[in-house]
Amino acid sequence: MVMAVGARQSTKGTPATAPQLPPIWKEAAWPAEWLSLHASPTYYGVGVPRGDGSPVLVVPGFMSGDAVMYEMYAWLWRVGYQPHLSGIALNASCPGVTSRKLVELVENINGETGMKVKIVGHSLGGLLGRRVALQRPDLVSQLIYLGSPIRAMHAHPVVTVTAAVAVGLRALMRSGERCLTSECGCGLTRDMKRP
C-alpha cells in the first residue's frame, strides 16, 4: 500500500511539518472492515444508481493482485457495469512492462465492447491506470484513483522495506534491470509529472 501523504501547509504556503504517516497497525482491522462491508446494503447495490454498462478495468496496487480487487469487480458487476480484471497476479513487476500489458488489455476491451474503458486503480494501480490513460486517451473515458500517490509519493516504512526486498529478489533473478527503482528506464516517474 503506497500512500499519498501531504504535509500541512503554513499560512505562507510552505510545508509546516513533515508528512504524517498513519500507523501501519490499523491494517490489522481489515477483517472487521470486510464484515462491515458485507453487512452494508450498498454492497448489494441497494440505493446505488445503476451503471451504464460501460467497461471498467480494475488494477491492483503494489504487491497485490486481482484477488484483492475481486470485491470491487463483483460490486461493479452487481450495479450494472462490465468489470474486467487486469490479469495481474502480483503487482511487483516493472511498471513499464505492466502498463504496456494494460494498454493491450484496454485495446482488447475496447475492441470487444466498442466503448471507452473506465479504469479504477488502487495505489500503484492508479499510477499504472494513469499511464494507460496518458498513452491511450482515445480509449479511456475515466480514471479513478483509490489511495494513489498523485501529488507526492511517500511510502510507509514497512512498504519501503517490502519494496526493497522485492527489488532485491528481482535483482538476483534479472541482473542489470532497475525495475521498481528511481533508475528504472520505463518512464513511470516522468509520466507522473505529466498533466
Protein backbone atom coordinates (compact mmCIF):
# COMPACT_ATOMS: atom_id res chain seq x y z
CA MET A 1 0.00 0.00 0.00
CA VAL A 2 1.65 3.22 -1.19
CA MET A 3 0.10 6.29 0.33
CA ALA A 4 -0.08 9.89 -0.76
CA VAL A 5 0.59 11.83 2.37
CA GLY A 6 0.61 15.62 2.31
CA ALA A 7 2.30 17.92 4.76
CA ARG A 8 0.25 20.58 6.50
CA GLN A 9 0.65 23.99 4.91
CA SER A 10 1.59 27.13 6.79
CA THR A 11 -0.21 30.37 6.02
CA LYS A 12 2.54 31.28 3.54
CA GLY A 13 2.06 28.07 1.51
CA THR A 14 5.26 26.32 2.61
CA PRO A 15 5.19 22.99 4.43
CA ALA A 16 4.79 23.49 8.18
CA THR A 17 5.56 19.91 9.20
CA ALA A 18 6.87 16.70 7.75
CA PRO A 19 4.33 14.27 6.23
CA GLN A 20 2.41 12.30 8.86
CA LEU A 21 2.34 8.56 8.23
CA PRO A 22 -0.66 6.61 9.54
CA PRO A 23 0.12 3.75 11.90
CA ILE A 24 0.55 0.51 9.94
CA TRP A 25 -1.15 -1.49 12.72
CA LYS A 26 -4.50 -0.13 11.54
CA GLU A 27 -4.18 -2.51 8.57
CA ALA A 28 -4.94 -5.34 11.01
CA ALA A 29 -8.56 -4.12 11.19
CA TRP A 30 -9.32 -5.46 7.72
CA PRO A 31 -11.37 -8.49 8.88
CA ALA A 32 -13.82 -6.26 10.80
CA GLU A 33 -13.98 -3.83 7.89
CA TRP A 34 -14.64 -6.71 5.48
CA LEU A 35 -17.52 -7.97 7.65
CA SER A 36 -18.92 -4.45 7.90
CA LEU A 37 -18.77 -4.13 4.12
CA HIS A 38 -20.76 -7.33 3.66
CA ALA A 39 -23.39 -6.11 6.12
CA SER A 40 -23.94 -2.89 4.17
CA PRO A 41 -26.91 -2.57 1.77
CA THR A 42 -24.61 -0.59 -0.54
CA TYR A 43 -22.52 -3.73 -1.04
CA TYR A 44 -25.56 -5.39 -2.60
CA GLY A 45 -26.35 -2.36 -4.75
CA VAL A 46 -29.28 -1.13 -2.67
CA GLY A 47 -29.74 2.59 -3.25
CA VAL A 48 -26.84 2.75 -5.70
CA PRO A 49 -27.55 4.31 -9.12
CA ARG A 50 -27.35 1.70 -11.90
CA GLY A 51 -24.27 1.74 -14.08
CA ASP A 52 -24.45 2.43 -17.79
CA GLY A 53 -23.00 -0.94 -18.83
CA SER A 54 -19.63 0.57 -19.70
CA PRO A 55 -16.45 -1.50 -19.28
CA VAL A 56 -14.35 -0.92 -16.17
CA LEU A 57 -10.81 -2.24 -15.69
CA VAL A 58 -9.75 -2.72 -12.05
CA VAL A 59 -6.00 -2.57 -11.35
CA PRO A 60 -4.44 -3.74 -8.04
CA GLY A 61 -1.80 -1.93 -6.01
CA PHE A 62 1.82 -2.80 -5.29
CA MET A 63 2.46 -6.36 -4.11
CA SER A 64 -1.18 -7.36 -4.61
CA GLY A 65 -3.14 -8.89 -7.44
CA ASP A 66 -6.56 -9.37 -8.97
CA ALA A 67 -7.70 -11.43 -5.98
CA VAL A 68 -7.61 -8.24 -3.88
CA MET A 69 -9.75 -6.41 -6.45
CA TYR A 70 -12.39 -9.13 -6.74
CA GLU A 71 -14.79 -7.44 -4.27
CA MET A 72 -14.70 -4.29 -6.42
CA TYR A 73 -15.09 -6.36 -9.58
CA ALA A 74 -18.17 -8.17 -8.23
CA TRP A 75 -19.72 -4.94 -6.93
CA LEU A 76 -19.27 -3.20 -10.27
CA TRP A 77 -20.98 -6.14 -11.97
CA ARG A 78 -23.88 -6.04 -9.47
CA VAL A 79 -24.51 -2.33 -10.05
CA GLY A 80 -24.52 -2.53 -13.84
CA TYR A 81 -21.01 -2.20 -15.28
CA GLN A 82 -18.87 -4.63 -17.32
CA PRO A 83 -15.87 -5.14 -14.99
CA HIS A 84 -12.58 -6.63 -16.13
CA LEU A 85 -9.67 -7.89 -14.05
CA SER A 86 -6.17 -6.79 -15.00
CA GLY A 87 -4.56 -10.21 -15.23
CA ILE A 88 -2.02 -9.17 -12.59
CA ALA A 89 -1.26 -11.94 -10.09
CA LEU A 90 1.36 -9.93 -8.15
CA ASN A 91 1.95 -6.26 -8.94
CA ALA A 92 5.69 -6.20 -8.35
CA SER A 93 6.94 -6.11 -11.91
CA CYS A 94 8.44 -3.23 -13.89
CA PRO A 95 5.74 -0.54 -14.25
CA GLY A 96 6.71 -0.14 -17.89
CA VAL A 97 6.11 -3.80 -18.68
CA THR A 98 2.89 -3.86 -16.64
CA SER A 99 1.49 -0.69 -18.21
CA ARG A 100 2.22 -2.00 -21.74
CA LYS A 101 0.19 -5.13 -20.91
CA LEU A 102 -2.62 -2.94 -19.54
CA VAL A 103 -2.63 -0.84 -22.72
CA GLU A 104 -3.09 -4.05 -24.73
CA LEU A 105 -5.88 -5.13 -22.39
CA VAL A 106 -7.67 -1.77 -22.75
CA GLU A 107 -7.33 -2.06 -26.54
CA ASN A 108 -8.86 -5.55 -26.42
CA ILE A 109 -11.71 -4.47 -24.12
CA ASN A 110 -12.44 -1.50 -26.38
CA GLY A 111 -12.34 -3.76 -29.43
CA GLU A 112 -14.80 -6.22 -27.85
CA THR A 113 -17.24 -3.64 -26.48
CA GLY A 114 -16.82 -0.69 -28.83
CA MET A 115 -16.82 1.53 -25.74
CA LYS A 116 -14.20 3.61 -23.94
CA VAL A 117 -12.91 1.99 -20.76
CA LYS A 118 -13.08 3.35 -17.22
CA ILE A 119 -10.08 2.44 -15.06
CA VAL A 120 -10.21 2.02 -11.28
CA GLY A 121 -6.71 1.71 -9.83
CA HIS A 122 -5.68 1.10 -6.25
CA SER A 123 -2.42 2.73 -5.12
CA LEU A 124 0.24 1.79 -7.71
CA GLY A 125 -2.64 0.51 -9.86
CA GLY A 126 -3.89 4.09 -10.09
CA LEU A 127 -0.50 5.26 -11.36
CA LEU A 128 -0.47 2.44 -13.90
CA GLY A 129 -4.01 3.38 -14.93
CA ARG A 130 -2.91 7.00 -15.34
CA ARG A 131 -0.09 5.88 -17.59
CA VAL A 132 -2.54 3.91 -19.74
CA ALA A 133 -4.84 6.95 -19.92
CA LEU A 134 -1.93 9.16 -20.99
CA GLN A 135 -0.83 6.69 -23.66
CA ARG A 136 -4.33 5.92 -25.00
CA PRO A 137 -6.65 8.83 -24.11
CA ASP A 138 -8.80 7.83 -27.08
CA LEU A 139 -9.71 4.56 -25.31
CA VAL A 140 -10.08 5.69 -21.68
CA SER A 141 -13.16 7.61 -20.54
CA GLN A 142 -12.38 7.96 -16.85
CA LEU A 143 -9.67 7.21 -14.29
CA ILE A 144 -10.49 6.68 -10.63
CA TYR A 145 -7.67 6.59 -8.07
CA LEU A 146 -8.06 4.70 -4.80
CA GLY A 147 -5.26 5.71 -2.43
CA SER A 148 -2.84 6.55 -5.24
CA PRO A 149 0.00 9.00 -4.63
CA ILE A 150 -0.90 11.61 -7.23
CA ARG A 151 0.70 14.71 -5.67
CA ALA A 152 3.68 13.33 -3.79
CA MET A 153 4.93 9.84 -3.30
CA HIS A 154 5.57 8.79 0.27
CA ALA A 155 5.51 5.18 1.31
CA HIS A 156 5.09 3.84 4.81
CA PRO A 157 8.46 2.48 6.03
CA VAL A 158 7.09 -1.10 6.09
CA VAL A 159 6.11 -0.73 2.43
CA THR A 160 9.55 0.64 1.61
CA VAL A 161 11.22 -2.41 3.20
CA THR A 162 8.85 -4.74 1.31
CA ALA A 163 9.70 -2.99 -1.95
CA ALA A 164 13.43 -3.22 -1.21
CA VAL A 165 13.12 -6.96 -0.58
CA ALA A 166 11.10 -7.39 -3.80
CA VAL A 167 13.65 -5.38 -5.79
CA GLY A 168 16.49 -7.35 -4.21
CA LEU A 169 14.91 -10.67 -5.16
CA ARG A 170 14.19 -9.44 -8.66
CA ALA A 171 17.78 -8.22 -8.99
CA LEU A 172 19.02 -11.72 -8.20
CA MET A 173 16.73 -13.15 -10.87
CA ARG A 174 17.29 -10.47 -13.51
CA SER A 175 20.69 -8.86 -13.17
CA GLY A 176 21.03 -5.48 -14.81
CA GLU A 177 17.40 -4.34 -14.55
CA ARG A 178 16.50 -1.40 -12.35
CA CYS A 179 12.78 -2.15 -12.06
CA LEU A 180 10.91 -0.57 -9.16
CA THR A 181 13.70 1.94 -8.52
CA SER A 182 14.11 5.61 -9.44
CA GLU A 183 16.67 4.49 -12.02
CA CYS A 184 14.17 2.35 -13.95
CA GLY A 185 14.09 3.36 -17.59
CA CYS A 186 10.37 2.69 -18.07
CA GLY A 187 9.45 6.36 -17.56
CA LEU A 188 6.86 6.00 -14.79
CA THR A 189 8.41 8.86 -12.82
CA ARG A 190 8.37 11.07 -15.92
CA ASP A 191 4.72 10.20 -16.60
CA MET A 192 3.74 11.05 -13.02
CA LYS A 193 4.76 14.66 -13.76
CA ARG A 194 2.72 14.95 -16.97
CA PRO A 195 -0.56 16.87 -16.82
